[in-house]
């Protein structure tokens, strides 16, 4: 299907999600109200509707990504600072790139074999339906990326750590295990964060980068790597997570409609846990 057609579908999906089904309407509204108390209702309403358009684009672009040619995919993503990866390619050292549900992260990870000679190893959560999971894994790895189950994270790091790998993790989800969570200030609220990226960065002494995917216009994205640390073991506990979440917040403030506001990101309170 041509892009003009799928974006027509996207507009229709956005209308259905926001106006008809009101998909997570209350969650999105509550999150925007919490994150942007300084914005007017008009400004928040603009972000609200732009978010659903972004969600529609993600749906159709993800489907399109399974069938579009590698040439077409690579034309639509540009890495702003490829020299970051080139430096590590020369040394053979593995690094970690932590991203979030921003822009089109699916395309960003799918295109990784094009913009680096490192082995892109993406960690993902397997789907409960094995047939659908197999289909998704096959399509997500078709360009050469390696997919590693989060249930085998330690084994995956051990397997690829000495092979010059680019470990790709999405880390902005709300954690299920609060006992191991880091708590940081995110949009003015104490927020529980996943411990995994920091755990494995320090365990294997991996340089850590924030990996952002920014939409330039419909169907076109820019990827940028921002250094968090080269020396994870020299930082105090929780600092890597704090820096990552700070970078993510800065990105979202500049591109507010490009994040998944439908996540129940602030469902946990430290007071409830204590």
C-alpha atoms as a PDB file:
ATOM      1  CA  UNK A   1       0.000   0.000   0.000  1.00  0.00           C
ATOM      2  CA  UNK A   2       1.352   3.475  -0.854  1.00  0.00           C
ATOM      3  CA  UNK A   3       2.101   5.896   1.950  1.00  0.00           C
ATOM      4  CA  UNK A   4      -0.640   8.345   0.971  1.00  0.00           C
ATOM      5  CA  UNK A   5      -3.141   5.537   1.502  1.00  0.00           C
ATOM      6  CA  UNK A   6      -1.820   4.341   4.864  1.00  0.00           C
ATOM      7  CA  UNK A   7      -1.821   7.881   6.231  1.00  0.00           C
ATOM      8  CA  UNK A   8      -5.434   8.184   5.172  1.00  0.00           C
ATOM      9  CA  UNK A   9      -5.993   5.047   7.240  1.00  0.00           C
ATOM     10  CA  UNK A  10      -4.042   6.646  10.078  1.00  0.00           C
ATOM     11  CA  UNK A  11      -6.347   9.671  10.101  1.00  0.00           C
ATOM     12  CA  UNK A  12      -9.335   7.346  10.260  1.00  0.00           C
ATOM     13  CA  UNK A  13      -7.801   5.280  13.084  1.00  0.00           C
ATOM     14  CA  UNK A  14      -6.987   8.452  15.030  1.00  0.00           C
ATOM     15  CA  UNK A  15     -10.612   9.563  14.691  1.00  0.00           C
ATOM     16  CA  UNK A  16     -11.893   6.186  15.894  1.00  0.00           C
ATOM     17  CA  UNK A  17      -9.480   5.999  18.822  1.00  0.00           C
ATOM     18  CA  UNK A  18     -10.081   9.520  20.085  1.00  0.00           C
ATOM     19  CA  UNK A  19     -13.691  10.258  19.133  1.00  0.00           C
ATOM     20  CA  UNK A  20     -15.483   6.913  18.904  1.00  0.00           C
ATOM     21  CA  UNK A  21     -13.754   4.394  21.182  1.00  0.00           C
ATOM     22  CA  UNK A  22     -12.143   7.088  23.336  1.00  0.00           C
ATOM     23  CA  UNK A  23      -9.158   4.766  23.809  1.00  0.00           C
ATOM     24  CA  UNK A  24      -7.631   5.406  27.254  1.00  0.00           C
ATOM     25  CA  UNK A  25      -9.156   8.859  27.084  1.00  0.00           C
ATOM     26  CA  UNK A  26      -9.071   9.424  30.842  1.00  0.00           C
ATOM     27  CA  UNK A  27      -5.502   8.120  31.188  1.00  0.00           C
ATOM     28  CA  UNK A  28      -4.191  10.409  28.434  1.00  0.00           C
ATOM     29  CA  UNK A  29      -6.020  13.417  29.844  1.00  0.00           C
ATOM     30  CA  UNK A  30      -4.813  12.725  33.402  1.00  0.00           C
ATOM     31  CA  UNK A  31      -1.201  12.243  32.265  1.00  0.00           C
ATOM     32  CA  UNK A  32      -1.173  15.496  30.290  1.00  0.00           C
ATOM     33  CA  UNK A  33      -2.709  17.369  33.215  1.00  0.00           C
ATOM     34  CA  UNK A  34      -0.049  15.995  35.568  1.00  0.00           C
ATOM     35  CA  UNK A  35       2.875  16.601  33.206  1.00  0.00           C
ATOM     36  CA  UNK A  36       1.924  20.091  32.033  1.00  0.00           C
ATOM     37  CA  UNK A  37       0.167  21.987  34.845  1.00  0.00           C
ATOM     38  CA  UNK A  38       1.545  25.219  33.386  1.00  0.00           C
ATOM     39  CA  UNK A  39      -0.175  24.763  30.002  1.00  0.00           C
ATOM     40  CA  UNK A  40      -3.614  26.095  29.181  1.00  0.00           C
ATOM     41  CA  UNK A  41      -6.512  23.769  28.405  1.00  0.00           C
ATOM     42  CA  UNK A  42      -6.236  24.819  24.766  1.00  0.00           C
ATOM     43  CA  UNK A  43      -2.557  23.830  24.644  1.00  0.00           C
ATOM     44  CA  UNK A  44      -3.206  20.466  26.314  1.00  0.00           C
ATOM     45  CA  UNK A  45      -6.119  19.787  23.976  1.00  0.00           C
ATOM     46  CA  UNK A  46      -3.818  20.380  21.006  1.00  0.00           C
ATOM     47  CA  UNK A  47      -1.291  17.864  22.374  1.00  0.00           C
ATOM     48  CA  UNK A  48      -4.150  15.465  23.154  1.00  0.00           C
ATOM     49  CA  UNK A  49      -5.375  15.316  19.552  1.00  0.00           C
ATOM     50  CA  UNK A  50      -1.828  15.311  18.131  1.00  0.00           C
ATOM     51  CA  UNK A  51      -1.082  12.289  20.323  1.00  0.00           C
ATOM     52  CA  UNK A  52      -3.908  10.281  18.761  1.00  0.00           C
ATOM     53  CA  UNK A  53      -2.689  11.228  15.307  1.00  0.00           C
ATOM     54  CA  UNK A  54       0.762  10.020  16.366  1.00  0.00           C
ATOM     55  CA  UNK A  55      -0.786   6.772  17.610  1.00  0.00           C
ATOM     56  CA  UNK A  56      -2.555   6.271  14.287  1.00  0.00           C
ATOM     57  CA  UNK A  57       0.717   6.828  12.438  1.00  0.00           C
ATOM     58  CA  UNK A  58       2.478   4.288  14.654  1.00  0.00           C
ATOM     59  CA  UNK A  59      -0.156   1.657  13.899  1.00  0.00           C
ATOM     60  CA  UNK A  60       0.027   2.005  10.122  1.00  0.00           C
ATOM     61  CA  UNK A  61       3.794   2.541   9.996  1.00  0.00           C
ATOM     62  CA  UNK A  62       4.395  -0.588  12.067  1.00  0.00           C
ATOM     63  CA  UNK A  63       2.316  -2.606   9.608  1.00  0.00           C
ATOM     64  CA  UNK A  64       4.048  -0.952   6.664  1.00  0.00           C
ATOM     65  CA  UNK A  65       7.441  -1.699   8.204  1.00  0.00           C
ATOM     66  CA  UNK A  66       6.839  -5.423   7.840  1.00  0.00           C
ATOM     67  CA  UNK A  67       6.495  -5.192   4.054  1.00  0.00           C
ATOM     68  CA  UNK A  68       8.465  -2.138   2.908  1.00  0.00           C
ATOM     69  CA  UNK A  69      11.849  -2.644   1.270  1.00  0.00           C
ATOM     70  CA  UNK A  70      15.055  -2.093   3.200  1.00  0.00           C
ATOM     71  CA  UNK A  71      15.937   0.705   0.766  1.00  0.00           C
ATOM     72  CA  UNK A  72      12.674   2.514   1.520  1.00  0.00           C
ATOM     73  CA  UNK A  73      13.096   2.019   5.267  1.00  0.00           C
ATOM     74  CA  UNK A  74      16.661   3.327   5.337  1.00  0.00           C
ATOM     75  CA  UNK A  75      15.683   6.351   3.243  1.00  0.00           C
ATOM     76  CA  UNK A  76      13.233   7.386   5.934  1.00  0.00           C
ATOM     77  CA  UNK A  77      15.602   7.268   8.916  1.00  0.00           C
ATOM     78  CA  UNK A  78      18.722   9.384   9.279  1.00  0.00           C
ATOM     79  CA  UNK A  79      21.252   9.082  12.113  1.00  0.00           C
ATOM     80  CA  UNK A  80      22.422  12.559  13.085  1.00  0.00           C
ATOM     81  CA  UNK A  81      25.649  11.448  14.766  1.00  0.00           C
ATOM     82  CA  UNK A  82      26.802   8.082  13.318  1.00  0.00           C
ATOM     83  CA  UNK A  83      30.342   8.815  14.494  1.00  0.00           C
ATOM     84  CA  UNK A  84      29.266   7.770  17.999  1.00  0.00           C
ATOM     85  CA  UNK A  85      28.809   4.181  16.846  1.00  0.00           C
ATOM     86  CA  UNK A  86      31.779   4.261  14.466  1.00  0.00           C
ATOM     87  CA  UNK A  87      34.118   4.899  17.392  1.00  0.00           C
ATOM     88  CA  UNK A  88      32.938   1.736  19.153  1.00  0.00           C
ATOM     89  CA  UNK A  89      32.962  -0.297  15.939  1.00  0.00           C
ATOM     90  CA  UNK A  90      36.694   0.340  15.712  1.00  0.00           C
ATOM     91  CA  UNK A  91      37.344  -0.911  19.244  1.00  0.00           C
ATOM     92  CA  UNK A  92      34.898  -3.830  19.166  1.00  0.00           C
ATOM     93  CA  UNK A  93      33.418  -2.719  22.495  1.00  0.00           C
ATOM     94  CA  UNK A  94      29.724  -3.288  23.134  1.00  0.00           C
ATOM     95  CA  UNK A  95      27.467  -0.464  24.299  1.00  0.00           C
ATOM     96  CA  UNK A  96      23.920   0.001  25.555  1.00  0.00           C
ATOM     97  CA  UNK A  97      21.398   2.364  23.948  1.00  0.00           C
ATOM     98  CA  UNK A  98      18.281   3.027  25.994  1.00  0.00           C
ATOM     99  CA  UNK A  99      15.263   4.352  24.128  1.00  0.00           C
ATOM    100  CA  UNK A 100      11.596   4.985  24.895  1.00  0.00           C
ATOM    101  CA  UNK A 101       8.157   4.895  23.294  1.00  0.00           C
ATOM    102  CA  UNK A 102       8.892   8.025  21.280  1.00  0.00           C
ATOM    103  CA  UNK A 103       8.717   8.684  17.560  1.00  0.00           C
ATOM    104  CA  UNK A 104       8.694   5.383  15.715  1.00  0.00           C
ATOM    105  CA  UNK A 105      10.930   3.228  17.903  1.00  0.00           C
ATOM    106  CA  UNK A 106       9.990   0.141  15.853  1.00  0.00           C
ATOM    107  CA  UNK A 107      11.550   1.587  12.705  1.00  0.00           C
ATOM    108  CA  UNK A 108      14.478   2.909  14.717  1.00  0.00           C
ATOM    109  CA  UNK A 109      15.370  -0.571  15.928  1.00  0.00           C
ATOM    110  CA  UNK A 110      14.433  -2.275  12.639  1.00  0.00           C
ATOM    111  CA  UNK A 111      16.854  -0.056  10.710  1.00  0.00           C
ATOM    112  CA  UNK A 112      19.784  -0.550  13.123  1.00  0.00           C
ATOM    113  CA  UNK A 113      21.771  -2.957  10.876  1.00  0.00           C
ATOM    114  CA  UNK A 114      21.903  -0.194   8.258  1.00  0.00           C
ATOM    115  CA  UNK A 115      23.517   2.475  10.421  1.00  0.00           C
ATOM    116  CA  UNK A 116      25.988   0.342  12.391  1.00  0.00           C
ATOM    117  CA  UNK A 117      28.354  -2.578  11.879  1.00  0.00           C
ATOM    118  CA  UNK A 118      27.793  -3.583  15.492  1.00  0.00           C
ATOM    119  CA  UNK A 119      25.384  -6.428  16.245  1.00  0.00           C
ATOM    120  CA  UNK A 120      22.034  -4.809  17.130  1.00  0.00           C
ATOM    121  CA  UNK A 121      20.600  -6.865  19.993  1.00  0.00           C
ATOM    122  CA  UNK A 122      17.129  -5.694  20.949  1.00  0.00           C
ATOM    123  CA  UNK A 123      15.470  -6.864  24.147  1.00  0.00           C
ATOM    124  CA  UNK A 124      11.737  -7.460  23.876  1.00  0.00           C
ATOM    125  CA  UNK A 125       8.857  -8.997  25.817  1.00  0.00           C
ATOM    126  CA  UNK A 126       7.499 -12.128  24.064  1.00  0.00           C
ATOM    127  CA  UNK A 127       3.775 -12.147  23.300  1.00  0.00           C
ATOM    128  CA  UNK A 128       1.572 -14.768  24.933  1.00  0.00           C
ATOM    129  CA  UNK A 129       0.276 -15.969  21.546  1.00  0.00           C
ATOM    130  CA  UNK A 130       3.190 -17.995  20.175  1.00  0.00           C
ATOM    131  CA  UNK A 131       2.135 -17.727  16.526  1.00  0.00           C
ATOM    132  CA  UNK A 132       1.807 -13.964  16.643  1.00  0.00           C
ATOM    133  CA  UNK A 133       5.044 -13.735  18.623  1.00  0.00           C
ATOM    134  CA  UNK A 134       6.886 -15.797  16.003  1.00  0.00           C
ATOM    135  CA  UNK A 135       5.487 -13.571  13.235  1.00  0.00           C
ATOM    136  CA  UNK A 136       6.544 -10.413  15.047  1.00  0.00           C
ATOM    137  CA  UNK A 137      10.025 -11.759  15.801  1.00  0.00           C
ATOM    138  CA  UNK A 138      10.520 -12.821  12.207  1.00  0.00           C
ATOM    139  CA  UNK A 139       9.582  -9.412  10.849  1.00  0.00           C
ATOM    140  CA  UNK A 140      11.405  -7.393  13.490  1.00  0.00           C
ATOM    141  CA  UNK A 141      14.636  -9.294  12.846  1.00  0.00           C
ATOM    142  CA  UNK A 142      14.394  -9.479   9.047  1.00  0.00           C
ATOM    143  CA  UNK A 143      16.982  -6.722   8.515  1.00  0.00           C
ATOM    144  CA  UNK A 144      19.583  -8.452  10.691  1.00  0.00           C
ATOM    145  CA  UNK A 145      18.846  -7.364  14.253  1.00  0.00           C
ATOM    146  CA  UNK A 146      18.942  -9.995  16.991  1.00  0.00           C
ATOM    147  CA  UNK A 147      15.916 -10.208  19.296  1.00  0.00           C
ATOM    148  CA  UNK A 148      16.465 -11.311  22.879  1.00  0.00           C
ATOM    149  CA  UNK A 149      13.689 -12.192  25.309  1.00  0.00           C
ATOM    150  CA  UNK A 150      13.617 -10.098  28.485  1.00  0.00           C
ATOM    151  CA  UNK A 151      13.177 -13.378  30.346  1.00  0.00           C
ATOM    152  CA  UNK A 152      16.686 -14.366  29.215  1.00  0.00           C
ATOM    153  CA  UNK A 153      18.326 -10.964  29.563  1.00  0.00           C
ATOM    154  CA  UNK A 154      21.386 -12.095  31.515  1.00  0.00           C
ATOM    155  CA  UNK A 155      22.118 -14.945  29.101  1.00  0.00           C
ATOM    156  CA  UNK A 156      21.694 -12.607  26.117  1.00  0.00           C
ATOM    157  CA  UNK A 157      24.197 -10.101  27.480  1.00  0.00           C
ATOM    158  CA  UNK A 158      26.692 -12.869  28.188  1.00  0.00           C
ATOM    159  CA  UNK A 159      26.237 -14.266  24.676  1.00  0.00           C
ATOM    160  CA  UNK A 160      26.769 -10.991  22.797  1.00  0.00           C
ATOM    161  CA  UNK A 161      28.853  -8.867  25.169  1.00  0.00           C
ATOM    162  CA  UNK A 162      32.186  -9.779  23.543  1.00  0.00           C
ATOM    163  CA  UNK A 163      30.952  -9.501  19.949  1.00  0.00           C
ATOM    164  CA  UNK A 164      30.802  -5.730  19.558  1.00  0.00           C
ATOM    165  CA  UNK A 165      27.068  -5.428  20.153  1.00  0.00           C
ATOM    166  CA  UNK A 166      24.629  -2.556  20.364  1.00  0.00           C
ATOM    167  CA  UNK A 167      22.171  -3.518  23.092  1.00  0.00           C
ATOM    168  CA  UNK A 168      18.856  -1.738  22.498  1.00  0.00           C
ATOM    169  CA  UNK A 169      16.405  -1.416  25.381  1.00  0.00           C
ATOM    170  CA  UNK A 170      13.087   0.394  25.815  1.00  0.00           C
ATOM    171  CA  UNK A 171      12.964   1.531  29.425  1.00  0.00           C
ATOM    172  CA  UNK A 172      10.146   4.023  30.002  1.00  0.00           C
ATOM    173  CA  UNK A 173       7.540   1.451  31.083  1.00  0.00           C
ATOM    174  CA  UNK A 174       6.099   1.336  34.579  1.00  0.00           C
ATOM    175  CA  UNK A 175       7.927  -1.476  36.446  1.00  0.00           C
ATOM    176  CA  UNK A 176       6.134  -4.539  37.759  1.00  0.00           C
ATOM    177  CA  UNK A 177       8.700  -5.192  40.509  1.00  0.00           C
ATOM    178  CA  UNK A 178       8.675  -2.154  42.799  1.00  0.00           C
ATOM    179  CA  UNK A 179      11.190  -3.716  45.197  1.00  0.00           C
ATOM    180  CA  UNK A 180      13.922  -3.318  42.582  1.00  0.00           C
ATOM    181  CA  UNK A 181      12.729  -0.029  41.107  1.00  0.00           C
ATOM    182  CA  UNK A 182      14.591   3.249  41.072  1.00  0.00           C
ATOM    183  CA  UNK A 183      12.537   6.301  42.020  1.00  0.00           C
ATOM    184  CA  UNK A 184      13.292   9.550  40.192  1.00  0.00           C
ATOM    185  CA  UNK A 185      11.623  12.898  39.626  1.00  0.00           C
ATOM    186  CA  UNK A 186       9.870  12.779  36.257  1.00  0.00           C
ATOM    187  CA  UNK A 187       7.653  15.709  35.268  1.00  0.00           C
ATOM    188  CA  UNK A 188       7.578  16.838  38.873  1.00  0.00           C
ATOM    189  CA  UNK A 189       6.372  13.496  40.218  1.00  0.00           C
ATOM    190  CA  UNK A 190       8.346  10.807  42.042  1.00  0.00           C
ATOM    191  CA  UNK A 191       8.227   7.982  39.513  1.00  0.00           C
ATOM    192  CA  UNK A 192       9.097   4.279  39.693  1.00  0.00           C
ATOM    193  CA  UNK A 193      11.541   3.235  36.955  1.00  0.00           C
ATOM    194  CA  UNK A 194      12.861  -0.047  35.591  1.00  0.00           C
ATOM    195  CA  UNK A 195      16.106  -1.215  37.170  1.00  0.00           C
ATOM    196  CA  UNK A 196      17.238  -3.468  34.301  1.00  0.00           C
ATOM    197  CA  UNK A 197      19.224  -1.051  32.104  1.00  0.00           C
ATOM    198  CA  UNK A 198      21.287   0.253  35.002  1.00  0.00           C
ATOM    199  CA  UNK A 199      21.727  -3.239  36.431  1.00  0.00           C
ATOM    200  CA  UNK A 200      23.243  -4.655  33.245  1.00  0.00           C
ATOM    201  CA  UNK A 201      25.186  -1.512  32.358  1.00  0.00           C
ATOM    202  CA  UNK A 202      27.050  -1.730  35.672  1.00  0.00           C
ATOM    203  CA  UNK A 203      27.296  -5.527  35.621  1.00  0.00           C
ATOM    204  CA  UNK A 204      29.046  -5.520  32.232  1.00  0.00           C
ATOM    205  CA  UNK A 205      30.578  -2.020  32.454  1.00  0.00           C
ATOM    206  CA  UNK A 206      28.821  -0.833  29.291  1.00  0.00           C
ATOM    207  CA  UNK A 207      28.845   2.748  28.016  1.00  0.00           C
ATOM    208  CA  UNK A 208      25.238   3.960  28.012  1.00  0.00           C
ATOM    209  CA  UNK A 209      23.492   6.250  25.524  1.00  0.00           C
ATOM    210  CA  UNK A 210      20.019   7.697  25.189  1.00  0.00           C
ATOM    211  CA  UNK A 211      18.669   6.688  21.785  1.00  0.00           C
ATOM    212  CA  UNK A 212      15.993   9.112  20.549  1.00  0.00           C
ATOM    213  CA  UNK A 213      13.819   8.762  17.447  1.00  0.00           C
ATOM    214  CA  UNK A 214      12.379  12.106  16.352  1.00  0.00           C
ATOM    215  CA  UNK A 215       9.695  12.570  13.703  1.00  0.00           C
ATOM    216  CA  UNK A 216      10.737  15.190  11.144  1.00  0.00           C
ATOM    217  CA  UNK A 217       7.489  14.813   9.216  1.00  0.00           C
ATOM    218  CA  UNK A 218       5.104  11.979   8.493  1.00  0.00           C
ATOM    219  CA  UNK A 219       7.097   8.881   7.632  1.00  0.00           C
ATOM    220  CA  UNK A 220      10.533  10.453   8.176  1.00  0.00           C
ATOM    221  CA  UNK A 221      12.637  10.267  11.334  1.00  0.00           C
ATOM    222  CA  UNK A 222      15.957  11.317  12.793  1.00  0.00           C
ATOM    223  CA  UNK A 223      17.917   9.182  15.244  1.00  0.00           C
ATOM    224  CA  UNK A 224      20.327  10.686  17.738  1.00  0.00           C
ATOM    225  CA  UNK A 225      22.607   9.142  20.367  1.00  0.00           C
ATOM    226  CA  UNK A 226      23.202  11.193  23.527  1.00  0.00           C
ATOM    227  CA  UNK A 227      25.807   9.985  26.007  1.00  0.00           C
ATOM    228  CA  UNK A 228      24.658   9.117  29.509  1.00  0.00           C
ATOM    229  CA  UNK A 229      27.980   7.710  30.714  1.00  0.00           C
ATOM    230  CA  UNK A 230      31.129   5.933  29.566  1.00  0.00           C
ATOM    231  CA  UNK A 231      31.871   4.750  33.089  1.00  0.00           C
ATOM    232  CA  UNK A 232      28.711   3.309  34.671  1.00  0.00           C
ATOM    233  CA  UNK A 233      30.516   1.823  37.654  1.00  0.00           C
ATOM    234  CA  UNK A 234      31.793   5.232  38.728  1.00  0.00           C
ATOM    235  CA  UNK A 235      28.282   6.628  39.187  1.00  0.00           C
ATOM    236  CA  UNK A 236      26.197   6.279  42.361  1.00  0.00           C
ATOM    237  CA  UNK A 237      23.275   3.868  42.336  1.00  0.00           C
ATOM    238  CA  UNK A 238      20.291   5.256  40.462  1.00  0.00           C
ATOM    239  CA  UNK A 239      22.225   7.979  38.636  1.00  0.00           C
ATOM    240  CA  UNK A 240      22.089   6.335  35.203  1.00  0.00           C
ATOM    241  CA  UNK A 241      18.328   6.003  35.521  1.00  0.00           C
ATOM    242  CA  UNK A 242      18.028   9.592  36.719  1.00  0.00           C
ATOM    243  CA  UNK A 243      20.012  10.924  33.741  1.00  0.00           C
ATOM    244  CA  UNK A 244      18.062   8.775  31.286  1.00  0.00           C
ATOM    245  CA  UNK A 245      14.699   9.925  32.625  1.00  0.00           C
ATOM    246  CA  UNK A 246      15.907  13.528  32.586  1.00  0.00           C
ATOM    247  CA  UNK A 247      16.885  13.225  28.915  1.00  0.00           C
ATOM    248  CA  UNK A 248      13.552  11.593  28.149  1.00  0.00           C
ATOM    249  CA  UNK A 249      11.636  14.390  29.865  1.00  0.00           C
ATOM    250  CA  UNK A 250      13.590  17.013  27.911  1.00  0.00           C
ATOM    251  CA  UNK A 251      12.776  15.202  24.676  1.00  0.00           C
ATOM    252  CA  UNK A 252       9.071  14.941  25.528  1.00  0.00           C
ATOM    253  CA  UNK A 253       8.829  18.621  26.449  1.00  0.00           C
ATOM    254  CA  UNK A 254      10.173  19.494  22.996  1.00  0.00           C
ATOM    255  CA  UNK A 255       8.009  16.875  21.232  1.00  0.00           C
ATOM    256  CA  UNK A 256       5.009  16.344  23.542  1.00  0.00           C
ATOM    257  CA  UNK A 257       2.753  14.493  21.108  1.00  0.00           C
ATOM    258  CA  UNK A 258       5.423  11.910  20.231  1.00  0.00           C
ATOM    259  CA  UNK A 259       5.281   9.966  23.500  1.00  0.00           C
ATOM    260  CA  UNK A 260       2.754   7.279  24.454  1.00  0.00           C
ATOM    261  CA  UNK A 261       0.595   9.187  26.908  1.00  0.00           C
ATOM    262  CA  UNK A 262      -1.771   6.210  27.009  1.00  0.00           C
ATOM    263  CA  UNK A 263       0.622   4.391  29.372  1.00  0.00           C
ATOM    264  CA  UNK A 264      -0.412   4.464  33.032  1.00  0.00           C
ATOM    265  CA  UNK A 265       3.044   5.790  33.846  1.00  0.00           C
ATOM    266  CA  UNK A 266       2.213   7.121  37.310  1.00  0.00           C
ATOM    267  CA  UNK A 267       0.080   4.293  38.645  1.00  0.00           C
ATOM    268  CA  UNK A 268       2.573   3.539  41.448  1.00  0.00           C
ATOM    269  CA  UNK A 269       3.265   5.715  44.468  1.00  0.00           C
ATOM    270  CA  UNK A 270       6.194   5.180  46.780  1.00  0.00           C
ATOM    271  CA  UNK A 271       3.901   5.796  49.754  1.00  0.00           C
ATOM    272  CA  UNK A 272       1.733   2.847  48.656  1.00  0.00           C
ATOM    273  CA  UNK A 273       4.796   0.616  48.451  1.00  0.00           C
ATOM    274  CA  UNK A 274       6.169   1.709  51.831  1.00  0.00           C
END
